[in-house]
Amino acid sequence: MAANLTLGVFAVVPLWLTASFATSRLPEALGLTPRPPVDGDVLSWLMLLVPSWAVLLGLWIPANVLARRGTGASRCRHWAVGSVLVLTPLPALTALLLLVEG
C-alpha cells in the first residue's frame, strides 16, 4: 500500500491538470461563459493530460496487480483501498498549501 501513497504524490500532477481543464472548459461547454476568440487550446490540454494519465496508470495498475498477489484481500477491497490511497496526497498537499499561503 506504500506504493499507492508514493504514486499518489505523482498523481497530483494529472489530477490537478484535469481539475484545471474541467474548471476552465466546463463552464464554456455549458454556455455559462463565452468562448475565447482562439479556441485551439483543447489540443494543448490533451497533449498534457493524455501522457500524464498514461504514465500514472501505466505505473499504478501493474503495481497494484503485483501487490494484490501478495495480500489476502479480495479484489474489490484491494482496488478500493488502492484508489483511496492514491487520491489521498492531493487533498493533503492542497490543505498544506492553503495553510502555508494563509
C-alpha atoms as a PDB file:
ATOM      1  CA  MET A   1       0.000   0.000   0.000  1.00  0.00           C
ATOM      2  CA  ALA A   2       3.014   2.272   0.341  1.00  0.00           C
ATOM      3  CA  ALA A   3       3.311   2.154  -3.436  1.00  0.00           C
ATOM      4  CA  ASN A   4      -0.148   3.689  -3.726  1.00  0.00           C
ATOM      5  CA  LEU A   5       0.763   6.571  -1.439  1.00  0.00           C
ATOM      6  CA  THR A   6       4.009   7.128  -3.328  1.00  0.00           C
ATOM      7  CA  LEU A   7       2.217   7.093  -6.660  1.00  0.00           C
ATOM      8  CA  GLY A   8      -0.361   9.412  -5.124  1.00  0.00           C
ATOM      9  CA  VAL A   9       2.292  12.100  -4.832  1.00  0.00           C
ATOM     10  CA  PHE A  10       2.947  11.761  -8.560  1.00  0.00           C
ATOM     11  CA  ALA A  11      -0.822  11.618  -9.215  1.00  0.00           C
ATOM     12  CA  VAL A  12      -1.112  15.214  -8.046  1.00  0.00           C
ATOM     13  CA  VAL A  13       0.029  16.414 -11.480  1.00  0.00           C
ATOM     14  CA  PRO A  14      -2.583  14.654 -13.652  1.00  0.00           C
ATOM     15  CA  LEU A  15      -5.321  15.262 -11.089  1.00  0.00           C
ATOM     16  CA  TRP A  16      -4.501  18.968 -10.890  1.00  0.00           C
ATOM     17  CA  LEU A  17      -4.317  19.241 -14.686  1.00  0.00           C
ATOM     18  CA  THR A  18      -7.680  17.506 -15.022  1.00  0.00           C
ATOM     19  CA  ALA A  19      -9.261  19.801 -12.432  1.00  0.00           C
ATOM     20  CA  SER A  20      -7.831  22.861 -14.179  1.00  0.00           C
ATOM     21  CA  PHE A  21      -9.124  21.652 -17.535  1.00  0.00           C
ATOM     22  CA  ALA A  22     -12.574  20.936 -16.123  1.00  0.00           C
ATOM     23  CA  THR A  23     -12.886  24.290 -14.375  1.00  0.00           C
ATOM     24  CA  SER A  24     -11.750  26.232 -17.411  1.00  0.00           C
ATOM     25  CA  ARG A  25     -13.618  24.316 -20.136  1.00  0.00           C
ATOM     26  CA  LEU A  26     -16.777  23.032 -18.435  1.00  0.00           C
ATOM     27  CA  PRO A  27     -18.444  26.446 -17.988  1.00  0.00           C
ATOM     28  CA  GLU A  28     -17.743  27.179 -21.657  1.00  0.00           C
ATOM     29  CA  ALA A  29     -19.224  23.845 -22.726  1.00  0.00           C
ATOM     30  CA  LEU A  30     -22.369  24.544 -20.703  1.00  0.00           C
ATOM     31  CA  GLY A  31     -22.666  28.005 -22.208  1.00  0.00           C
ATOM     32  CA  LEU A  32     -22.162  29.796 -18.900  1.00  0.00           C
ATOM     33  CA  THR A  33     -19.150  31.772 -20.111  1.00  0.00           C
ATOM     34  CA  PRO A  34     -18.272  32.990 -23.603  1.00  0.00           C
ATOM     35  CA  ARG A  35     -15.754  31.066 -25.652  1.00  0.00           C
ATOM     36  CA  PRO A  36     -12.362  32.713 -26.060  1.00  0.00           C
ATOM     37  CA  PRO A  37     -11.572  34.079 -29.525  1.00  0.00           C
ATOM     38  CA  VAL A  38      -8.835  31.462 -30.001  1.00  0.00           C
ATOM     39  CA  ASP A  39     -10.376  28.090 -29.303  1.00  0.00           C
ATOM     40  CA  GLY A  40      -7.459  25.874 -30.290  1.00  0.00           C
ATOM     41  CA  ASP A  41      -6.122  25.173 -26.830  1.00  0.00           C
ATOM     42  CA  VAL A  42      -8.041  21.912 -26.352  1.00  0.00           C
ATOM     43  CA  LEU A  43      -5.307  20.095 -28.229  1.00  0.00           C
ATOM     44  CA  SER A  44      -2.661  21.546 -25.931  1.00  0.00           C
ATOM     45  CA  TRP A  45      -4.684  20.398 -22.914  1.00  0.00           C
ATOM     46  CA  LEU A  46      -4.949  16.909 -24.369  1.00  0.00           C
ATOM     47  CA  MET A  47      -1.218  16.864 -25.045  1.00  0.00           C
ATOM     48  CA  LEU A  48      -0.713  17.432 -21.312  1.00  0.00           C
ATOM     49  CA  LEU A  49      -3.495  15.257 -19.938  1.00  0.00           C
ATOM     50  CA  VAL A  50      -3.141  12.077 -22.001  1.00  0.00           C
ATOM     51  CA  PRO A  51       0.573  11.419 -21.384  1.00  0.00           C
ATOM     52  CA  SER A  52       0.362  12.287 -17.681  1.00  0.00           C
ATOM     53  CA  TRP A  53      -2.574   9.912 -17.160  1.00  0.00           C
ATOM     54  CA  ALA A  54      -0.928   7.231 -19.315  1.00  0.00           C
ATOM     55  CA  VAL A  55       2.250   7.317 -17.208  1.00  0.00           C
ATOM     56  CA  LEU A  56       0.336   7.308 -13.930  1.00  0.00           C
ATOM     57  CA  LEU A  57      -1.961   4.443 -14.903  1.00  0.00           C
ATOM     58  CA  GLY A  58       0.918   2.588 -16.541  1.00  0.00           C
ATOM     59  CA  LEU A  59       2.678   2.546 -13.182  1.00  0.00           C
ATOM     60  CA  TRP A  60      -0.318   2.255 -10.859  1.00  0.00           C
ATOM     61  CA  ILE A  61      -2.133  -0.696 -12.442  1.00  0.00           C
ATOM     62  CA  PRO A  62       0.857  -3.085 -12.640  1.00  0.00           C
ATOM     63  CA  ALA A  63       1.988  -2.076  -9.145  1.00  0.00           C
ATOM     64  CA  ASN A  64      -1.413  -2.986  -7.733  1.00  0.00           C
ATOM     65  CA  VAL A  65      -1.662  -6.213  -9.711  1.00  0.00           C
ATOM     66  CA  LEU A  66       1.677  -7.295  -8.239  1.00  0.00           C
ATOM     67  CA  ALA A  67       0.811  -6.049  -4.746  1.00  0.00           C
ATOM     68  CA  ARG A  68      -2.543  -7.830  -4.726  1.00  0.00           C
ATOM     69  CA  ARG A  69      -0.887 -11.193  -5.281  1.00  0.00           C
ATOM     70  CA  GLY A  70       0.990 -10.788  -2.002  1.00  0.00           C
ATOM     71  CA  THR A  71      -2.057  -9.949   0.085  1.00  0.00           C
ATOM     72  CA  GLY A  72      -5.075 -11.984   1.035  1.00  0.00           C
ATOM     73  CA  ALA A  73      -7.502  -9.149   0.360  1.00  0.00           C
ATOM     74  CA  SER A  74     -10.367  -9.521  -2.070  1.00  0.00           C
ATOM     75  CA  ARG A  75     -10.014  -7.894  -5.464  1.00  0.00           C
ATOM     76  CA  CYS A  76     -12.704  -5.285  -4.826  1.00  0.00           C
ATOM     77  CA  ARG A  77     -11.337  -4.281  -1.423  1.00  0.00           C
ATOM     78  CA  HIS A  78      -7.743  -4.091  -2.677  1.00  0.00           C
ATOM     79  CA  TRP A  79      -8.602  -1.791  -5.605  1.00  0.00           C
ATOM     80  CA  ALA A  80     -10.895   0.372  -3.468  1.00  0.00           C
ATOM     81  CA  VAL A  81      -8.216   0.888  -0.818  1.00  0.00           C
ATOM     82  CA  GLY A  82      -5.592   1.462  -3.507  1.00  0.00           C
ATOM     83  CA  SER A  83      -7.775   4.080  -5.183  1.00  0.00           C
ATOM     84  CA  VAL A  84      -8.361   5.943  -1.940  1.00  0.00           C
ATOM     85  CA  LEU A  85      -4.677   5.853  -1.059  1.00  0.00           C
ATOM     86  CA  VAL A  86      -3.557   7.152  -4.447  1.00  0.00           C
ATOM     87  CA  LEU A  87      -6.006  10.062  -4.129  1.00  0.00           C
ATOM     88  CA  THR A  88      -5.033  10.918  -0.522  1.00  0.00           C
ATOM     89  CA  PRO A  89      -1.955  13.115  -1.175  1.00  0.00           C
ATOM     90  CA  LEU A  90      -3.859  15.649  -3.314  1.00  0.00           C
ATOM     91  CA  PRO A  91      -6.177  16.943  -0.544  1.00  0.00           C
ATOM     92  CA  ALA A  92      -3.358  16.671   1.997  1.00  0.00           C
ATOM     93  CA  LEU A  93      -0.976  18.741  -0.134  1.00  0.00           C
ATOM     94  CA  THR A  94      -3.749  21.205  -1.001  1.00  0.00           C
ATOM     95  CA  ALA A  95      -4.543  21.721   2.687  1.00  0.00           C
ATOM     96  CA  LEU A  96      -0.858  22.164   3.439  1.00  0.00           C
ATOM     97  CA  LEU A  97      -0.543  24.721   0.652  1.00  0.00           C
ATOM     98  CA  LEU A  98      -3.543  26.647   1.963  1.00  0.00           C
ATOM     99  CA  LEU A  99      -2.075  26.662   5.468  1.00  0.00           C
ATOM    100  CA  VAL A 100       1.319  27.871   4.264  1.00  0.00           C
ATOM    101  CA  GLU A 101      -0.094  30.510   1.917  1.00  0.00           C
ATOM    102  CA  GLY A 102      -2.596  31.526   4.602  1.00  0.00           C
END
